[in-house]
Amino acid sequence: METPRTPAPRQPERSIERPPARRIELPEVFTPDDRPVEDAVLETPVDERCVLLVTQSPALQNFLVPIFRREGSAALVASSRDEVALALSEQPVSHILVAQDLVESFSAWITEGGLASAGAEVSVLGPVSTSLMDNPVPYSKMFRALMATVQILSDERAAAVNGSAPYALIARDIAELCHTFGLRRVAGDGTQLAAWLLIPPVAGTAAPFRDLARSVTTARTLNFPWRIDAMLERMRSFYAGQNHPAASGAQTGEIDIAAQILALAWYRHAVIPAATVGPVTDADHRNSKAKLRAVAGRLASIEVVEAYIRLLESSGQEADAAKRQLVVAVTSNEDMARDLSASFGRLGLRVVHKRSMADARPYCEQLPPSAVIVDFAALGMEAARLSVVLRLIPGLLMYALVDAVDPSVTLDLIDMGFDDVLPPPHDFGIISARVTRSVRQAKRSTTRDSHTGFRGTFSALSFVDLVQSLAQSRKSVRVELSRTDGEAAMVHLDEGRLMHARAGEVQGVDAVYHVITWGDEGTFMVVPVEAFPPANITDPVERVLMEGCRRYDESHALR
């Protein structure tokens, strides 16, 4: 029998000054909630977050459930398969938190017992201390950082192959469909990453993508906590006809459903446009529904296809997709056009490249885009003449790229009607983000009245160039003119025909000749109109302008 140890004598305590102890308020998680009814935590509404804690540990049940409830989340507890199934059937659950003691059992309930998570996000809860110390950064921040890296890789590949896809639109549709079919968050995020890894097809070819093996290799390198590579291989088998997609259900794995969602979204946004010649019209978007149904059973089950079509209809994507996704770049610089196309493409806007004003103007009038980016450094005054015409298109945003920071040029371009001037250095990623944000804000057609017109100065655009541009584009407008000394004039064009002019007491062609003598000392405002005063000019506009310029030159030569 062991002799009990005699405790060592305690040393006398030294008297030292201690600061007042700081009181730390802890939640009363182990005491009954005896507050008045009006102050107690009420049952969480159905539309708020509901957490199902799966564990047999009394400590976790007693500690975590009160915390969730005090922080505004409904919290349920289950420790068996039947209890989990009952909880999922009684109330919509947004998150299932599986403690370490039941991880293997819960996995068996899902894979072998036919238990469905009902769209809830499933997470594994390890030891509380480990979970707190091993996760210094939230998953959402880590995923955004990974997505940004993958987007940079996508931009580099797009530049190398001279082609891009509307990745942002594809990712948006993937996220919506993954939510519709109840896939876990990690599965939906992994499917979005997979879309950014794909390389778009060559226009006019039958191949749905390029170098898929490279995309799969990159997916493995990411080491994402979900099998992106397996999902890409599954999607490839659908396109190759080696496997057929199964309908969603208890026996269908999320990799198979995710592969169907990616295959369908990629087909709509990347494959169909690659086979379309010329600008995308409303008829093309209506036909896309028929094309989606045509691949049911090959790329995705009928259920997934119809869910996608319902999503497109309910979100209104089909109604104005051609206009909303279109940006016209007017530049003779091929490298600039390619960079703009890649940057806008990954944000969901399609870029149409036009090399001159003559090409851009009829295109924009026939199919008005969301925005026009003009290379002012290359086009000069040709860009100014284009702005006069395009400014009359309701809701159109206009941007000018310049090659130097010059305040006077910037002010002149703003006077011409450009919404913004983009000086060097030209970071096309930032440019595309700025323009895309403006395009996707409140519709400019509702905030900018198309009948208020636009203003400019003769120093930026001469009166002769202004009238020529309006005439060539066959505009019906009233041009209100004023001189720095207060003198005023007015000119009317009916479908491009110069038909009326007045400057004080002077009328007709003489009024036009008089305004030409103002030189740079004038401002103008162009207003679309439908009613006109009686005509007092019958000569063609070219003859009137040439005669006015001749008289102006002669008068200056005599001085």
Protein backbone atom coordinates (compact mmCIF):
# COMPACT_ATOMS: atom_id res chain seq x y z
CA MET A 1 0.00 0.00 0.00
CA GLU A 2 1.48 3.26 -1.08
CA THR A 3 2.15 5.93 1.46
CA PRO A 4 0.28 9.09 0.57
CA ARG A 5 2.55 11.90 -0.52
CA THR A 6 2.76 14.87 1.75
CA PRO A 7 2.08 18.02 -0.18
CA ALA A 8 4.95 20.45 -0.31
CA PRO A 9 4.45 23.46 1.90
CA ARG A 10 3.08 26.45 0.07
CA GLN A 11 5.33 29.44 -0.24
CA PRO A 12 3.95 32.57 1.29
CA GLU A 13 2.35 34.78 -1.30
CA ARG A 14 4.00 38.06 -2.04
CA SER A 15 1.87 41.07 -1.89
CA ILE A 16 1.86 42.62 -5.32
CA GLU A 17 -0.30 45.19 -7.01
CA ARG A 18 -2.56 43.67 -9.66
CA PRO A 19 -4.62 45.63 -12.14
CA PRO A 20 -8.37 45.26 -11.79
CA ALA A 21 -9.52 42.04 -13.44
CA ARG A 22 -11.23 42.58 -16.75
CA ARG A 23 -14.70 41.06 -16.78
CA ILE A 24 -15.50 39.02 -19.86
CA GLU A 25 -19.16 38.48 -20.64
CA LEU A 26 -19.86 34.93 -21.83
CA PRO A 27 -23.17 33.72 -23.23
CA GLU A 28 -25.22 31.89 -20.67
CA VAL A 29 -25.39 28.72 -22.73
CA PHE A 30 -26.01 26.32 -19.86
CA THR A 31 -28.70 28.22 -17.96
CA PRO A 32 -32.40 28.20 -18.78
CA ASP A 33 -33.74 31.09 -20.80
CA ASP A 34 -35.83 32.81 -18.13
CA ARG A 35 -36.10 36.14 -19.86
CA PRO A 36 -39.53 37.66 -20.49
CA VAL A 37 -41.33 36.24 -23.49
CA GLU A 38 -40.98 39.45 -25.48
CA ASP A 39 -37.15 39.34 -25.07
CA ALA A 40 -36.63 35.62 -25.64
CA VAL A 41 -35.26 34.20 -28.86
CA LEU A 42 -38.30 33.25 -30.87
CA GLU A 43 -38.51 30.43 -33.36
CA THR A 44 -36.46 31.34 -36.42
CA PRO A 45 -38.57 32.04 -39.53
CA VAL A 46 -38.42 29.45 -42.31
CA ASP A 47 -36.65 31.80 -44.71
CA GLU A 48 -33.67 32.26 -42.34
CA ARG A 49 -30.73 29.91 -41.93
CA CYS A 50 -31.48 26.55 -40.32
CA VAL A 51 -28.62 24.32 -39.15
CA LEU A 52 -28.91 20.58 -38.53
CA LEU A 53 -26.24 19.32 -36.12
CA VAL A 54 -25.57 15.59 -36.58
CA THR A 55 -23.78 14.22 -33.51
CA GLN A 56 -24.15 11.93 -30.53
CA SER A 57 -22.00 14.17 -28.31
CA PRO A 58 -24.02 15.78 -25.49
CA ALA A 59 -21.29 18.40 -25.06
CA LEU A 60 -21.65 19.61 -28.64
CA GLN A 61 -25.43 19.52 -28.45
CA ASN A 62 -25.49 21.52 -25.23
CA PHE A 63 -22.83 24.01 -26.33
CA LEU A 64 -23.48 24.69 -30.04
CA VAL A 65 -27.27 24.64 -30.29
CA PRO A 66 -27.84 27.58 -27.89
CA ILE A 67 -25.14 29.59 -29.68
CA PHE A 68 -26.78 29.07 -33.08
CA ARG A 69 -30.17 30.03 -31.69
CA ARG A 70 -28.89 33.14 -29.94
CA GLU A 71 -27.24 34.27 -33.20
CA GLY A 72 -30.51 34.05 -35.11
CA SER A 73 -30.27 30.60 -36.71
CA ALA A 74 -32.68 27.76 -36.16
CA ALA A 75 -30.79 24.73 -34.83
CA LEU A 76 -31.88 21.10 -34.92
CA VAL A 77 -30.11 18.01 -33.55
CA ALA A 78 -30.10 14.45 -34.93
CA SER A 79 -28.04 11.43 -33.96
CA SER A 80 -29.40 8.73 -36.30
CA ARG A 81 -30.43 8.28 -39.92
CA ASP A 82 -34.13 8.35 -39.10
CA GLU A 83 -33.75 11.51 -37.04
CA VAL A 84 -31.87 13.21 -39.90
CA ALA A 85 -34.55 12.19 -42.40
CA LEU A 86 -37.30 13.45 -40.08
CA ALA A 87 -35.55 16.80 -39.54
CA LEU A 88 -35.07 17.31 -43.29
CA SER A 89 -38.73 16.54 -43.96
CA GLU A 90 -40.09 18.89 -41.29
CA GLN A 91 -38.19 22.10 -42.06
CA PRO A 92 -35.96 23.43 -44.87
CA VAL A 93 -32.36 23.04 -43.74
CA SER A 94 -29.63 25.25 -45.20
CA HIS A 95 -26.61 23.64 -43.49
CA ILE A 96 -25.87 20.17 -42.16
CA LEU A 97 -23.00 20.15 -39.66
CA VAL A 98 -21.69 16.61 -39.17
CA ALA A 99 -19.51 16.10 -36.09
CA GLN A 100 -16.46 13.88 -36.28
CA ASP A 101 -18.12 11.04 -34.34
CA LEU A 102 -20.76 10.44 -37.07
CA VAL A 103 -18.86 11.29 -40.29
CA GLU A 104 -18.57 7.68 -41.47
CA SER A 105 -22.15 6.86 -40.47
CA PHE A 106 -23.53 9.94 -42.24
CA SER A 107 -21.58 9.08 -45.40
CA ALA A 108 -23.10 5.58 -45.35
CA TRP A 109 -26.59 7.02 -44.90
CA ILE A 110 -26.08 9.12 -48.04
CA THR A 111 -24.38 6.57 -50.30
CA GLU A 112 -26.06 3.36 -49.16
CA GLY A 113 -29.14 4.33 -47.20
CA GLY A 114 -30.76 6.53 -49.84
CA LEU A 115 -30.70 9.65 -47.65
CA ALA A 116 -30.75 12.92 -49.62
CA SER A 117 -29.36 16.16 -48.20
CA ALA A 118 -32.26 18.14 -49.74
CA GLY A 119 -29.92 20.80 -51.11
CA ALA A 120 -28.36 21.61 -47.74
CA GLU A 121 -24.68 22.50 -47.51
CA VAL A 122 -22.87 19.65 -45.72
CA SER A 123 -19.80 20.43 -43.58
CA VAL A 124 -17.71 18.30 -41.25
CA LEU A 125 -17.13 19.64 -37.74
CA GLY A 126 -13.84 18.50 -36.26
CA PRO A 127 -12.67 19.30 -32.75
CA VAL A 128 -13.85 22.79 -31.85
CA SER A 129 -10.38 24.04 -30.87
CA THR A 130 -8.87 22.69 -34.10
CA SER A 131 -11.63 24.21 -36.21
CA LEU A 132 -11.05 27.62 -34.64
CA MET A 133 -7.26 27.58 -34.95
CA ASP A 134 -6.84 25.82 -38.31
CA ASN A 135 -9.19 28.10 -40.27
CA PRO A 136 -7.84 31.65 -39.94
CA VAL A 137 -9.41 32.66 -43.28
CA PRO A 138 -13.06 31.97 -44.21
CA TYR A 139 -13.70 29.58 -47.09
CA SER A 140 -15.41 32.32 -49.12
CA LYS A 141 -12.24 34.49 -49.08
CA MET A 142 -10.03 31.56 -50.04
CA PHE A 143 -12.34 30.65 -52.89
CA ARG A 144 -12.39 34.21 -54.23
CA ALA A 145 -8.59 34.24 -54.20
CA LEU A 146 -8.49 30.94 -56.08
CA MET A 147 -11.09 32.13 -58.58
CA ALA A 148 -9.08 35.31 -59.25
CA THR A 149 -6.00 33.18 -59.99
CA VAL A 150 -7.93 30.93 -62.36
CA GLN A 151 -9.33 33.99 -64.14
CA ILE A 152 -5.80 35.29 -64.74
CA LEU A 153 -4.86 31.91 -66.23
CA SER A 154 -7.96 32.07 -68.40
CA ASP A 155 -7.04 35.54 -69.67
CA GLU A 156 -3.54 34.40 -70.61
CA ARG A 157 -4.84 31.39 -72.52
CA ALA A 158 -7.49 33.51 -74.26
CA ALA A 159 -4.78 35.90 -75.45
CA ALA A 160 -2.64 32.98 -76.65
CA VAL A 161 -5.43 31.40 -78.71
CA ASN A 162 -7.06 34.70 -79.73
CA GLY A 163 -10.46 33.74 -78.36
CA SER A 164 -12.53 33.96 -75.19
CA ALA A 165 -15.88 32.82 -73.84
CA PRO A 166 -18.48 34.68 -71.73
CA TYR A 167 -17.20 32.99 -68.57
CA ALA A 168 -19.09 35.26 -66.17
CA LEU A 169 -22.42 34.40 -67.80
CA ILE A 170 -21.57 30.70 -67.79
CA ALA A 171 -20.59 30.83 -64.10
CA ARG A 172 -23.79 32.67 -63.22
CA ASP A 173 -25.96 30.05 -64.92
CA ILE A 174 -23.97 27.25 -63.29
CA ALA A 175 -24.48 28.75 -59.83
CA GLU A 176 -28.24 29.05 -60.38
CA LEU A 177 -28.62 25.50 -61.68
CA CYS A 178 -26.45 23.99 -58.95
CA HIS A 179 -28.68 25.67 -56.41
CA THR A 180 -31.79 24.44 -58.23
CA PHE A 181 -30.60 20.82 -58.04
CA GLY A 182 -29.40 21.09 -54.45
CA LEU A 183 -25.69 20.56 -55.05
CA ARG A 184 -23.33 21.36 -52.22
CA ARG A 185 -21.57 24.70 -52.26
CA VAL A 186 -18.19 23.09 -52.87
CA ALA A 187 -19.66 21.28 -55.90
CA GLY A 188 -21.15 24.47 -57.32
CA ASP A 189 -17.91 26.39 -56.77
CA GLY A 190 -15.87 23.58 -58.32
CA THR A 191 -18.13 23.55 -61.38
CA GLN A 192 -17.68 27.31 -61.83
CA LEU A 193 -13.90 26.90 -61.61
CA ALA A 194 -14.12 24.14 -64.24
CA ALA A 195 -15.89 26.51 -66.64
CA TRP A 196 -13.04 29.04 -66.39
CA LEU A 197 -10.55 26.26 -67.15
CA LEU A 198 -12.17 25.40 -70.48
CA ILE A 199 -10.76 26.87 -73.70
CA PRO A 200 -13.42 28.02 -76.21
CA PRO A 201 -13.76 26.33 -79.60
CA VAL A 202 -12.48 27.71 -82.87
CA ALA A 203 -15.29 29.58 -84.64
CA GLY A 204 -16.90 27.51 -87.37
CA THR A 205 -15.62 24.16 -86.10
CA ALA A 206 -17.53 21.27 -84.57
CA ALA A 207 -15.24 20.82 -81.56
CA PRO A 208 -16.89 22.12 -78.33
CA PHE A 209 -13.57 23.13 -76.73
CA ARG A 210 -9.82 23.03 -77.22
CA ASP A 211 -7.15 21.04 -75.37
CA LEU A 212 -9.39 19.56 -72.68
CA ALA A 213 -6.48 17.44 -71.43
CA ARG A 214 -4.73 20.66 -70.42
CA SER A 215 -7.83 21.82 -68.54
CA VAL A 216 -8.02 18.50 -66.67
CA THR A 217 -4.33 18.69 -65.75
CA THR A 218 -4.78 22.22 -64.42
CA ALA A 219 -7.79 21.07 -62.40
CA ARG A 220 -5.68 18.39 -60.70
CA THR A 221 -2.97 20.95 -59.98
CA LEU A 222 -5.46 23.19 -58.15
CA ASN A 223 -6.04 20.41 -55.58
CA PHE A 224 -9.54 21.78 -54.92
CA PRO A 225 -11.46 19.77 -52.27
CA TRP A 226 -13.84 18.40 -54.90
CA ARG A 227 -13.08 16.32 -57.99
CA ILE A 228 -13.09 18.97 -60.72
CA ASP A 229 -10.99 16.71 -62.94
CA ALA A 230 -13.46 13.82 -62.64
CA MET A 231 -16.34 16.14 -63.48
CA LEU A 232 -14.53 17.45 -66.58
CA GLU A 233 -13.86 13.90 -67.75
CA ARG A 234 -17.53 13.07 -67.23
CA MET A 235 -18.59 16.10 -69.26
CA ARG A 236 -16.18 15.11 -72.04
CA SER A 237 -17.78 11.68 -72.19
CA PHE A 238 -21.18 13.32 -72.77
CA TYR A 239 -19.87 15.38 -75.69
CA ALA A 240 -18.10 12.32 -77.11
CA GLY A 241 -21.23 10.18 -76.83
CA GLN A 242 -19.46 7.63 -74.62
CA ASN A 243 -21.89 8.06 -71.72
CA HIS A 244 -25.44 9.30 -71.37
CA PRO A 245 -26.51 11.61 -68.55
CA ALA A 246 -28.85 10.26 -65.92
CA ALA A 247 -31.82 12.08 -64.45
CA SER A 248 -31.26 13.61 -61.03
CA GLY A 249 -32.32 11.58 -58.03
CA ALA A 250 -31.09 9.71 -55.02
CA GLN A 251 -28.91 7.42 -57.13
CA THR A 252 -27.34 10.16 -59.26
CA GLY A 253 -24.03 11.52 -57.99
CA GLU A 254 -23.42 15.25 -57.82
CA ILE A 255 -20.45 14.91 -60.20
CA ASP A 256 -22.82 13.60 -62.87
CA ILE A 257 -25.34 16.41 -62.32
CA ALA A 258 -22.56 19.02 -62.23
CA ALA A 259 -21.15 17.65 -65.49
CA GLN A 260 -24.57 18.00 -67.13
CA ILE A 261 -24.93 21.58 -65.88
CA LEU A 262 -21.48 22.56 -67.17
CA ALA A 263 -22.00 20.80 -70.51
CA LEU A 264 -25.29 22.62 -71.06
CA ALA A 265 -24.15 26.10 -69.96
CA TRP A 266 -20.98 25.78 -72.05
CA TYR A 267 -23.01 24.61 -75.05
CA ARG A 268 -25.33 27.60 -74.85
CA HIS A 269 -22.73 30.33 -74.29
CA ALA A 270 -19.66 29.00 -76.14
CA VAL A 271 -20.62 26.33 -78.67
CA ILE A 272 -23.79 27.84 -80.17
CA PRO A 273 -22.28 31.36 -80.67
CA ALA A 274 -19.16 29.83 -82.26
CA ALA A 275 -21.37 28.31 -84.96
CA THR A 276 -23.30 31.57 -85.51
CA VAL A 277 -22.19 33.75 -88.41
CA GLY A 278 -22.65 37.50 -88.01
CA PRO A 279 -24.28 39.42 -85.16
CA VAL A 280 -26.48 37.51 -82.73
CA THR A 281 -30.13 38.47 -83.16
CA ASP A 282 -33.29 37.91 -81.11
CA ALA A 283 -34.20 35.08 -83.46
CA ASP A 284 -30.89 33.37 -82.66
CA HIS A 285 -31.71 33.50 -78.96
CA ARG A 286 -35.19 32.08 -79.54
CA ASN A 287 -33.66 29.26 -81.55
CA SER A 288 -31.23 28.54 -78.73
CA LYS A 289 -34.08 27.00 -76.74
CA ALA A 290 -34.74 24.55 -79.54
CA LYS A 291 -31.02 23.80 -79.73
CA LEU A 292 -30.88 23.13 -75.99
CA ARG A 293 -33.81 20.72 -76.23
CA ALA A 294 -32.11 19.02 -79.16
CA VAL A 295 -29.20 17.92 -76.92
CA ALA A 296 -31.45 16.55 -74.17
CA GLY A 297 -30.40 13.00 -73.44
CA ARG A 298 -26.95 13.60 -74.91
CA LEU A 299 -25.40 16.45 -72.91
CA ALA A 300 -27.94 16.56 -70.10
CA SER A 301 -31.14 14.89 -68.99
CA ILE A 302 -34.48 16.33 -70.06
CA GLU A 303 -34.99 17.46 -66.47
CA VAL A 304 -31.79 19.53 -66.44
CA VAL A 305 -32.50 20.99 -69.90
CA GLU A 306 -36.00 22.12 -68.99
CA ALA A 307 -34.79 23.54 -65.68
CA TYR A 308 -32.22 25.57 -67.62
CA ILE A 309 -34.81 26.88 -70.07
CA ARG A 310 -37.11 27.87 -67.17
CA LEU A 311 -34.17 29.70 -65.60
CA LEU A 312 -33.52 31.63 -68.81
CA GLU A 313 -37.17 32.58 -69.17
CA SER A 314 -37.69 33.58 -65.54
CA SER A 315 -34.53 35.69 -65.41
CA GLY A 316 -35.41 37.52 -68.63
CA GLN A 317 -32.05 36.71 -70.22
CA GLU A 318 -33.59 35.92 -73.60
CA ALA A 319 -35.48 39.18 -73.94
CA ASP A 320 -32.57 41.55 -74.57
CA ALA A 321 -29.54 39.26 -74.65
CA ALA A 322 -28.31 40.43 -78.05
CA LYS A 323 -28.10 44.07 -77.00
CA ARG A 324 -27.03 43.53 -73.39
CA GLN A 325 -24.06 41.37 -74.30
CA LEU A 326 -22.69 43.48 -77.15
CA VAL A 327 -19.83 46.02 -77.13
CA VAL A 328 -18.50 47.55 -80.35
CA ALA A 329 -14.79 48.38 -80.44
CA VAL A 330 -13.83 50.84 -83.19
CA THR A 331 -10.09 50.67 -83.76
CA SER A 332 -7.57 49.85 -86.46
CA ASN A 333 -5.29 48.28 -83.82
CA GLU A 334 -5.73 44.50 -84.01
CA ASP A 335 -3.90 43.87 -80.72
CA MET A 336 -6.14 46.31 -78.89
CA ALA A 337 -9.27 44.69 -80.34
CA ARG A 338 -8.05 41.24 -79.27
CA ASP A 339 -7.27 42.39 -75.71
CA LEU A 340 -10.64 44.09 -75.37
CA SER A 341 -12.42 40.99 -76.66
CA ALA A 342 -10.67 38.75 -74.11
CA SER A 343 -11.30 41.11 -71.17
CA PHE A 344 -14.95 41.72 -71.94
CA GLY A 345 -15.55 38.10 -72.91
CA ARG A 346 -14.76 36.76 -69.48
CA LEU A 347 -17.18 39.30 -67.98
CA GLY A 348 -20.01 38.19 -70.23
CA LEU A 349 -20.04 40.87 -72.94
CA ARG A 350 -19.27 40.05 -76.57
CA VAL A 351 -17.01 42.43 -78.50
CA VAL A 352 -17.57 43.19 -82.18
CA HIS A 353 -14.54 44.75 -83.85
CA LYS A 354 -15.01 47.48 -86.47
CA ARG A 355 -11.99 49.13 -88.09
CA SER A 356 -13.53 52.41 -89.21
CA MET A 357 -16.42 54.77 -88.70
CA ALA A 358 -17.88 53.71 -92.04
CA ASP A 359 -18.13 50.12 -90.78
CA ALA A 360 -19.26 50.95 -87.24
CA ARG A 361 -22.04 53.43 -87.91
CA PRO A 362 -24.46 51.25 -89.92
CA TYR A 363 -23.79 48.28 -87.64
CA CYS A 364 -24.63 50.25 -84.49
CA GLU A 365 -27.76 51.74 -86.04
CA GLN A 366 -29.00 48.32 -87.15
CA LEU A 367 -28.19 46.49 -83.87
CA PRO A 368 -27.62 49.06 -81.10
CA PRO A 369 -25.00 47.74 -78.67
CA SER A 370 -24.69 48.41 -74.97
CA ALA A 371 -21.49 50.41 -75.39
CA VAL A 372 -19.03 51.65 -78.00
CA ILE A 373 -15.31 52.05 -77.35
CA VAL A 374 -13.57 54.32 -79.85
CA ASP A 375 -9.82 54.46 -80.36
CA PHE A 376 -9.57 58.24 -80.62
CA ALA A 377 -5.77 58.11 -80.90
CA ALA A 378 -6.07 56.15 -84.15
CA LEU A 379 -9.27 57.62 -85.61
CA GLY A 380 -9.02 61.28 -84.59
CA MET A 381 -11.79 63.45 -86.02
CA GLU A 382 -13.38 60.41 -87.60
CA ALA A 383 -14.24 59.40 -84.04
CA ALA A 384 -15.75 62.82 -83.42
CA ARG A 385 -18.05 62.47 -86.43
CA LEU A 386 -19.06 58.98 -85.27
CA SER A 387 -19.97 60.29 -81.82
CA VAL A 388 -22.46 62.75 -83.31
CA VAL A 389 -24.42 59.91 -84.88
CA LEU A 390 -24.15 57.40 -82.06
CA ARG A 391 -25.16 59.92 -79.40
CA LEU A 392 -28.65 59.90 -80.88
CA ILE A 393 -29.08 56.17 -80.09
CA PRO A 394 -30.99 56.00 -76.77
CA GLY A 395 -29.16 54.35 -73.90
CA LEU A 396 -25.83 53.90 -75.69
CA LEU A 397 -22.66 54.37 -73.64
CA MET A 398 -19.61 55.80 -75.44
CA TYR A 399 -15.97 55.66 -74.34
CA ALA A 400 -12.87 57.18 -75.96
CA LEU A 401 -9.40 55.65 -75.68
CA VAL A 402 -6.68 58.34 -75.88
CA ASP A 403 -2.89 57.99 -76.03
CA ALA A 404 -2.01 60.90 -73.70
CA VAL A 405 -3.35 62.71 -70.65
CA ASP A 406 -4.51 66.02 -72.09
CA PRO A 407 -7.24 67.91 -70.18
CA SER A 408 -8.26 69.94 -73.24
CA VAL A 409 -8.77 66.78 -75.33
CA THR A 410 -10.69 65.17 -72.49
CA LEU A 411 -13.04 68.14 -72.20
CA ASP A 412 -13.53 68.24 -75.98
CA LEU A 413 -14.46 64.54 -76.03
CA ILE A 414 -16.90 65.00 -73.17
CA ASP A 415 -18.41 67.88 -75.14
CA MET A 416 -18.77 65.57 -78.13
CA GLY A 417 -20.94 63.27 -76.04
CA PHE A 418 -18.53 60.60 -74.79
CA ASP A 419 -19.49 59.25 -71.37
CA ASP A 420 -15.87 58.79 -70.30
CA VAL A 421 -12.32 59.24 -71.59
CA LEU A 422 -9.81 56.45 -70.88
CA PRO A 423 -6.19 57.70 -70.76
CA PRO A 424 -3.03 55.54 -70.69
CA PRO A 425 -1.86 53.19 -69.35
CA HIS A 426 -4.64 51.05 -70.80
CA ASP A 427 -5.37 48.20 -68.38
CA PHE A 428 -8.04 46.37 -70.37
CA GLY A 429 -9.10 44.36 -67.33
CA ILE A 430 -9.96 47.56 -65.46
CA ILE A 431 -11.52 49.14 -68.56
CA SER A 432 -13.78 46.15 -69.15
CA ALA A 433 -14.79 46.07 -65.48
CA ARG A 434 -15.68 49.79 -65.50
CA VAL A 435 -17.69 49.58 -68.70
CA THR A 436 -19.42 46.36 -67.67
CA ARG A 437 -20.45 47.85 -64.34
CA SER A 438 -21.96 50.86 -66.11
CA VAL A 439 -23.77 48.66 -68.61
CA ARG A 440 -25.27 46.51 -65.87
CA GLN A 441 -26.46 49.38 -63.74
CA ALA A 442 -29.93 50.84 -64.13
CA LYS A 443 -30.82 50.91 -67.80
CA ARG A 444 -29.58 54.11 -69.36
CA SER A 445 -32.66 54.21 -71.62
CA THR A 446 -34.73 54.98 -68.50
CA THR A 447 -32.32 57.49 -67.00
CA ARG A 448 -31.25 59.35 -70.12
CA ASP A 449 -34.07 60.92 -72.09
CA SER A 450 -33.38 60.36 -75.75
CA HIS A 451 -35.14 63.63 -76.55
CA THR A 452 -32.94 65.89 -74.40
CA GLY A 453 -30.25 65.86 -77.07
CA PHE A 454 -26.56 66.41 -76.54
CA ARG A 455 -24.21 69.35 -76.58
CA GLY A 456 -20.84 70.12 -78.13
CA THR A 457 -18.51 72.91 -79.19
CA PHE A 458 -17.26 73.94 -82.60
CA SER A 459 -13.72 73.76 -81.27
CA ALA A 460 -14.21 70.02 -80.79
CA LEU A 461 -16.40 69.42 -83.86
CA SER A 462 -16.88 72.05 -86.54
CA PHE A 463 -20.31 73.06 -87.76
CA VAL A 464 -19.59 71.64 -91.22
CA ASP A 465 -18.49 68.25 -89.84
CA LEU A 466 -21.53 68.19 -87.59
CA VAL A 467 -24.01 68.78 -90.41
CA GLN A 468 -22.23 66.31 -92.71
CA SER A 469 -22.39 63.57 -90.09
CA LEU A 470 -26.08 64.14 -89.41
CA ALA A 471 -26.84 64.20 -93.11
CA GLN A 472 -24.90 61.02 -93.90
CA SER A 473 -26.69 59.13 -91.13
CA ARG A 474 -30.10 60.47 -92.30
CA LYS A 475 -31.05 61.93 -88.93
CA SER A 476 -34.17 63.99 -88.24
CA VAL A 477 -33.00 66.63 -85.78
CA ARG A 478 -33.06 70.25 -84.70
CA VAL A 479 -29.62 71.79 -84.18
CA GLU A 480 -29.65 74.75 -81.76
CA LEU A 481 -26.60 76.98 -82.23
CA SER A 482 -25.15 79.83 -80.20
CA ARG A 483 -22.08 82.05 -80.48
CA THR A 484 -19.91 83.27 -77.63
CA ASP A 485 -21.25 86.82 -78.11
CA GLY A 486 -24.83 85.60 -77.56
CA GLU A 487 -25.88 85.32 -81.21
CA ALA A 488 -28.20 82.34 -81.86
CA ALA A 489 -29.22 80.24 -84.85
CA MET A 490 -31.18 77.08 -85.62
CA VAL A 491 -30.95 74.41 -88.33
CA HIS A 492 -33.35 71.53 -89.12
CA LEU A 493 -32.56 68.29 -90.95
CA ASP A 494 -35.32 65.89 -92.03
CA GLU A 495 -33.90 62.38 -92.59
CA GLY A 496 -30.54 63.95 -93.36
CA ARG A 497 -31.93 66.59 -95.73
CA LEU A 498 -31.06 70.18 -94.80
CA MET A 499 -34.48 71.83 -95.03
CA HIS A 500 -34.59 74.90 -92.74
CA ALA A 501 -32.20 77.40 -91.18
CA ARG A 502 -32.52 80.70 -89.36
CA ALA A 503 -29.95 83.05 -87.78
CA GLY A 504 -31.68 86.15 -86.40
CA GLU A 505 -33.34 87.85 -89.33
CA VAL A 506 -31.36 85.78 -91.84
CA GLN A 507 -33.02 82.61 -93.15
CA GLY A 508 -32.40 79.76 -95.58
CA VAL A 509 -28.98 79.05 -97.06
CA ASP A 510 -27.75 82.51 -96.07
CA ALA A 511 -28.26 81.54 -92.42
CA VAL A 512 -26.09 78.46 -92.97
CA TYR A 513 -23.40 80.57 -94.65
CA HIS A 514 -23.50 82.96 -91.69
CA VAL A 515 -23.04 80.19 -89.09
CA ILE A 516 -20.03 78.86 -91.00
CA THR A 517 -18.37 82.26 -90.53
CA TRP A 518 -18.43 81.73 -86.74
CA GLY A 519 -15.46 79.39 -87.07
CA ASP A 520 -14.65 77.83 -83.69
CA GLU A 521 -16.67 80.37 -81.72
CA GLY A 522 -19.84 78.38 -81.27
CA THR A 523 -21.67 75.64 -79.39
CA PHE A 524 -24.46 73.34 -80.49
CA MET A 525 -27.16 71.07 -79.13
CA VAL A 526 -28.71 68.33 -81.27
CA VAL A 527 -32.29 67.28 -80.45
CA PRO A 528 -34.24 64.52 -82.26
CA VAL A 529 -37.56 65.88 -83.59
CA GLU A 530 -40.54 64.73 -85.63
CA ALA A 531 -42.17 68.09 -86.49
CA PHE A 532 -40.50 70.69 -88.72
CA PRO A 533 -41.05 74.34 -89.72
CA PRO A 534 -41.78 75.17 -93.36
CA ALA A 535 -38.82 74.39 -95.60
CA ASN A 536 -36.69 77.36 -96.72
CA ILE A 537 -33.79 75.32 -98.19
CA THR A 538 -34.06 73.14 -101.28
CA ASP A 539 -30.40 72.76 -102.33
CA PRO A 540 -28.52 69.55 -101.45
CA VAL A 541 -26.61 69.75 -98.19
CA GLU A 542 -23.23 69.17 -99.88
CA ARG A 543 -23.75 72.11 -102.22
CA VAL A 544 -24.80 74.42 -99.36
CA LEU A 545 -21.80 73.50 -97.21
CA MET A 546 -19.31 73.78 -100.08
CA GLU A 547 -20.63 77.21 -101.03
CA GLY A 548 -20.52 78.36 -97.41
CA CYS A 549 -16.90 77.20 -97.03
CA ARG A 550 -15.94 78.93 -100.30
CA ARG A 551 -17.41 82.22 -99.14
CA TYR A 552 -15.72 81.88 -95.75
CA ASP A 553 -12.32 81.27 -97.39
CA GLU A 554 -12.76 84.23 -99.74
CA SER A 555 -13.72 86.58 -96.93
CA HIS A 556 -10.60 85.56 -94.95
CA ALA A 557 -8.38 85.94 -98.02
CA LEU A 558 -9.49 89.55 -98.45
CA ARG A 559 -8.52 90.49 -94.88
